[in-house]
Amino acid sequence: MTEPWYADGLSFSCTQCGNCCTGAPGYVWLQEGDAERIAAHLAVPVEEVMQMHARKGHRGLTLREKNNGDCVYFEQGRGCIIYPVRPAQCRTWPFWESNLRSRKNWDSIAEGCPGIGRGPLIGVEEIVSRMREFRI
């Protein structure tokens, strides 16, 4: 079996710049337990998270966006207000299968993500674990 191109690990540290949280509308898929963790973190009822901050998407529940396409939980100057309990899709960024298919893909997303290439070296085992935790 051939080793992946990232076998020596990759450096990454989230800067909370918001580049992956803002702009064009998209989907942040909620998995089991996410809404409850978000509600507990914000000290609001789960129903509030579900009714005001989530919506039905083509493959399940997703977080709503603001009118400008930003994630409902992203605030300019503060970053992600649910960072400690953010959904798996956010926790595992940028270690998604689509980003890791090739060095070219990785370098392409690095252009918009200042956390790539800085911070601690993430080993291949952890990269694969994160990639398996959330698949788009």
C-alpha atoms as a PDB file:
ATOM      1  CA  MET A   1       0.000   0.000   0.000  1.00  0.00           C
ATOM      2  CA  THR A   2       1.308   3.419  -0.953  1.00  0.00           C
ATOM      3  CA  GLU A   3       1.699   6.014   1.771  1.00  0.00           C
ATOM      4  CA  PRO A   4      -0.417   9.153   1.360  1.00  0.00           C
ATOM      5  CA  TRP A   5       1.369  12.288   0.211  1.00  0.00           C
ATOM      6  CA  TYR A   6       0.866  13.703   3.730  1.00  0.00           C
ATOM      7  CA  ALA A   7       2.536  10.713   5.464  1.00  0.00           C
ATOM      8  CA  ASP A   8       4.964  13.044   7.274  1.00  0.00           C
ATOM      9  CA  GLY A   9       2.053  15.037   8.726  1.00  0.00           C
ATOM     10  CA  LEU A  10       0.743  18.530   8.093  1.00  0.00           C
ATOM     11  CA  SER A  11       0.907  21.700  10.163  1.00  0.00           C
ATOM     12  CA  PHE A  12      -2.351  23.405  11.015  1.00  0.00           C
ATOM     13  CA  SER A  13      -3.666  25.745  13.687  1.00  0.00           C
ATOM     14  CA  CYS A  14      -7.051  27.422  13.373  1.00  0.00           C
ATOM     15  CA  THR A  15      -6.713  31.205  13.465  1.00  0.00           C
ATOM     16  CA  GLN A  16     -10.493  31.750  13.620  1.00  0.00           C
ATOM     17  CA  CYS A  17     -10.123  34.069  10.635  1.00  0.00           C
ATOM     18  CA  GLY A  18     -13.603  33.093   9.493  1.00  0.00           C
ATOM     19  CA  ASN A  19     -12.688  32.357   5.877  1.00  0.00           C
ATOM     20  CA  CYS A  20     -14.356  28.942   6.116  1.00  0.00           C
ATOM     21  CA  CYS A  21     -17.343  30.386   8.018  1.00  0.00           C
ATOM     22  CA  THR A  22     -18.214  33.316   5.797  1.00  0.00           C
ATOM     23  CA  GLY A  23     -19.139  34.194   2.265  1.00  0.00           C
ATOM     24  CA  ALA A  24     -21.069  32.036  -0.127  1.00  0.00           C
ATOM     25  CA  PRO A  25     -23.953  30.084   1.365  1.00  0.00           C
ATOM     26  CA  GLY A  26     -23.300  26.443   2.040  1.00  0.00           C
ATOM     27  CA  TYR A  27     -23.960  23.713   4.532  1.00  0.00           C
ATOM     28  CA  VAL A  28     -22.652  22.947   8.002  1.00  0.00           C
ATOM     29  CA  TRP A  29     -24.173  19.554   8.682  1.00  0.00           C
ATOM     30  CA  LEU A  30     -25.299  18.745  12.197  1.00  0.00           C
ATOM     31  CA  GLN A  31     -24.672  15.281  13.549  1.00  0.00           C
ATOM     32  CA  GLU A  32     -26.265  13.557  16.507  1.00  0.00           C
ATOM     33  CA  GLY A  33     -25.728  15.539  19.702  1.00  0.00           C
ATOM     34  CA  ASP A  34     -24.530  18.750  18.020  1.00  0.00           C
ATOM     35  CA  ALA A  35     -27.690  20.755  18.721  1.00  0.00           C
ATOM     36  CA  GLU A  36     -27.665  19.687  22.372  1.00  0.00           C
ATOM     37  CA  ARG A  37     -23.998  20.656  22.815  1.00  0.00           C
ATOM     38  CA  ILE A  38     -24.561  24.014  21.124  1.00  0.00           C
ATOM     39  CA  ALA A  39     -27.618  24.711  23.290  1.00  0.00           C
ATOM     40  CA  ALA A  40     -25.761  23.825  26.490  1.00  0.00           C
ATOM     41  CA  HIS A  41     -22.802  26.001  25.494  1.00  0.00           C
ATOM     42  CA  LEU A  42     -25.064  28.980  24.757  1.00  0.00           C
ATOM     43  CA  ALA A  43     -27.343  28.256  27.752  1.00  0.00           C
ATOM     44  CA  VAL A  44     -30.447  28.225  25.542  1.00  0.00           C
ATOM     45  CA  PRO A  45     -33.091  25.550  24.992  1.00  0.00           C
ATOM     46  CA  VAL A  46     -32.349  22.942  22.307  1.00  0.00           C
ATOM     47  CA  GLU A  47     -35.601  23.985  20.653  1.00  0.00           C
ATOM     48  CA  GLU A  48     -34.175  27.487  20.101  1.00  0.00           C
ATOM     49  CA  VAL A  49     -31.126  26.078  18.344  1.00  0.00           C
ATOM     50  CA  MET A  50     -33.319  23.817  16.217  1.00  0.00           C
ATOM     51  CA  GLN A  51     -35.959  26.409  15.315  1.00  0.00           C
ATOM     52  CA  MET A  52     -33.844  29.539  14.956  1.00  0.00           C
ATOM     53  CA  HIS A  53     -30.399  28.308  13.950  1.00  0.00           C
ATOM     54  CA  ALA A  54     -30.946  25.063  12.010  1.00  0.00           C
ATOM     55  CA  ARG A  55     -32.799  24.125   8.864  1.00  0.00           C
ATOM     56  CA  LYS A  56     -33.516  21.024   6.836  1.00  0.00           C
ATOM     57  CA  GLY A  57     -31.056  20.425   4.010  1.00  0.00           C
ATOM     58  CA  HIS A  58     -30.845  17.746   1.353  1.00  0.00           C
ATOM     59  CA  ARG A  59     -28.997  15.346   3.655  1.00  0.00           C
ATOM     60  CA  GLY A  60     -30.208  16.327   7.106  1.00  0.00           C
ATOM     61  CA  LEU A  61     -30.022  19.288   9.432  1.00  0.00           C
ATOM     62  CA  THR A  62     -27.652  22.129   8.694  1.00  0.00           C
ATOM     63  CA  LEU A  63     -26.889  25.418  10.407  1.00  0.00           C
ATOM     64  CA  ARG A  64     -28.585  28.485   8.998  1.00  0.00           C
ATOM     65  CA  GLU A  65     -26.650  31.317   7.437  1.00  0.00           C
ATOM     66  CA  LYS A  66     -27.053  35.023   7.908  1.00  0.00           C
ATOM     67  CA  ASN A  67     -28.332  37.024   4.917  1.00  0.00           C
ATOM     68  CA  ASN A  68     -24.744  37.584   3.754  1.00  0.00           C
ATOM     69  CA  GLY A  69     -23.983  33.824   3.747  1.00  0.00           C
ATOM     70  CA  ASP A  70     -21.978  33.814   6.980  1.00  0.00           C
ATOM     71  CA  CYS A  71     -22.582  31.064   9.515  1.00  0.00           C
ATOM     72  CA  VAL A  72     -25.162  32.081  12.074  1.00  0.00           C
ATOM     73  CA  TYR A  73     -22.580  31.474  14.828  1.00  0.00           C
ATOM     74  CA  PHE A  74     -19.775  33.546  13.320  1.00  0.00           C
ATOM     75  CA  GLU A  75     -19.321  37.094  14.603  1.00  0.00           C
ATOM     76  CA  GLN A  76     -16.856  39.540  13.074  1.00  0.00           C
ATOM     77  CA  GLY A  77     -14.178  40.411  15.614  1.00  0.00           C
ATOM     78  CA  ARG A  78     -15.055  37.438  17.843  1.00  0.00           C
ATOM     79  CA  GLY A  79     -14.918  34.474  15.512  1.00  0.00           C
ATOM     80  CA  CYS A  80     -16.974  31.367  16.130  1.00  0.00           C
ATOM     81  CA  ILE A  81     -19.083  31.802  19.251  1.00  0.00           C
ATOM     82  CA  ILE A  82     -19.575  28.029  19.558  1.00  0.00           C
ATOM     83  CA  TYR A  83     -15.936  27.100  18.841  1.00  0.00           C
ATOM     84  CA  PRO A  84     -15.521  24.638  21.751  1.00  0.00           C
ATOM     85  CA  VAL A  85     -18.621  22.684  20.614  1.00  0.00           C
ATOM     86  CA  ARG A  86     -18.567  23.333  16.863  1.00  0.00           C
ATOM     87  CA  PRO A  87     -19.925  20.551  14.636  1.00  0.00           C
ATOM     88  CA  ALA A  88     -17.616  17.820  13.306  1.00  0.00           C
ATOM     89  CA  GLN A  89     -17.528  19.450   9.873  1.00  0.00           C
ATOM     90  CA  CYS A  90     -15.918  22.507  11.437  1.00  0.00           C
ATOM     91  CA  ARG A  91     -13.733  20.585  13.917  1.00  0.00           C
ATOM     92  CA  THR A  92     -12.214  18.454  11.183  1.00  0.00           C
ATOM     93  CA  TRP A  93     -11.448  21.275   8.717  1.00  0.00           C
ATOM     94  CA  PRO A  94      -9.184  21.236   6.715  1.00  0.00           C
ATOM     95  CA  PHE A  95      -8.670  17.480   7.006  1.00  0.00           C
ATOM     96  CA  TRP A  96     -11.457  16.533   4.615  1.00  0.00           C
ATOM     97  CA  GLU A  97     -11.014  13.800   2.044  1.00  0.00           C
ATOM     98  CA  SER A  98     -11.592  16.263  -0.807  1.00  0.00           C
ATOM     99  CA  ASN A  99      -8.810  18.524   0.482  1.00  0.00           C
ATOM    100  CA  LEU A 100      -6.371  15.650   0.979  1.00  0.00           C
ATOM    101  CA  ARG A 101      -6.804  13.920  -2.393  1.00  0.00           C
ATOM    102  CA  SER A 102      -3.687  15.625  -3.676  1.00  0.00           C
ATOM    103  CA  ARG A 103      -1.027  18.108  -2.712  1.00  0.00           C
ATOM    104  CA  LYS A 104      -2.516  20.404  -5.367  1.00  0.00           C
ATOM    105  CA  ASN A 105      -5.914  20.375  -3.590  1.00  0.00           C
ATOM    106  CA  TRP A 106      -4.220  21.089  -0.256  1.00  0.00           C
ATOM    107  CA  ASP A 107      -2.173  23.948  -1.680  1.00  0.00           C
ATOM    108  CA  SER A 108      -5.300  25.384  -3.279  1.00  0.00           C
ATOM    109  CA  ILE A 109      -7.248  25.576  -0.015  1.00  0.00           C
ATOM    110  CA  ALA A 110      -4.145  26.862   1.788  1.00  0.00           C
ATOM    111  CA  GLU A 111      -4.437  30.040  -0.291  1.00  0.00           C
ATOM    112  CA  GLY A 112      -7.594  30.961   1.653  1.00  0.00           C
ATOM    113  CA  CYS A 113      -6.745  29.425   5.028  1.00  0.00           C
ATOM    114  CA  PRO A 114      -4.001  31.150   7.033  1.00  0.00           C
ATOM    115  CA  GLY A 115      -3.927  28.293   9.569  1.00  0.00           C
ATOM    116  CA  ILE A 116      -2.546  25.808   7.039  1.00  0.00           C
ATOM    117  CA  GLY A 117       1.213  25.506   7.317  1.00  0.00           C
ATOM    118  CA  ARG A 118       1.422  26.948  10.813  1.00  0.00           C
ATOM    119  CA  GLY A 119       1.057  25.546  14.279  1.00  0.00           C
ATOM    120  CA  PRO A 120       1.711  22.009  15.439  1.00  0.00           C
ATOM    121  CA  LEU A 121       2.461  19.145  13.102  1.00  0.00           C
ATOM    122  CA  ILE A 122      -0.588  16.882  12.904  1.00  0.00           C
ATOM    123  CA  GLY A 123       0.463  13.267  12.395  1.00  0.00           C
ATOM    124  CA  VAL A 124      -0.937  11.052   9.671  1.00  0.00           C
ATOM    125  CA  GLU A 125      -2.917   8.943  12.179  1.00  0.00           C
ATOM    126  CA  GLU A 126      -4.700  12.025  13.506  1.00  0.00           C
ATOM    127  CA  ILE A 127      -5.277  13.340   9.991  1.00  0.00           C
ATOM    128  CA  VAL A 128      -6.908  10.056   8.963  1.00  0.00           C
ATOM    129  CA  SER A 129      -8.974  10.014  12.161  1.00  0.00           C
ATOM    130  CA  ARG A 130     -10.304  13.519  11.483  1.00  0.00           C
ATOM    131  CA  MET A 131     -10.952  12.666   7.847  1.00  0.00           C
ATOM    132  CA  ARG A 132     -13.045   9.665   8.914  1.00  0.00           C
ATOM    133  CA  GLU A 133     -14.948  11.656  11.553  1.00  0.00           C
ATOM    134  CA  PHE A 134     -16.609  13.783   8.915  1.00  0.00           C
ATOM    135  CA  ARG A 135     -17.037  13.037   5.243  1.00  0.00           C
ATOM    136  CA  ILE A 136     -18.615  15.405   2.774  1.00  0.00           C
END
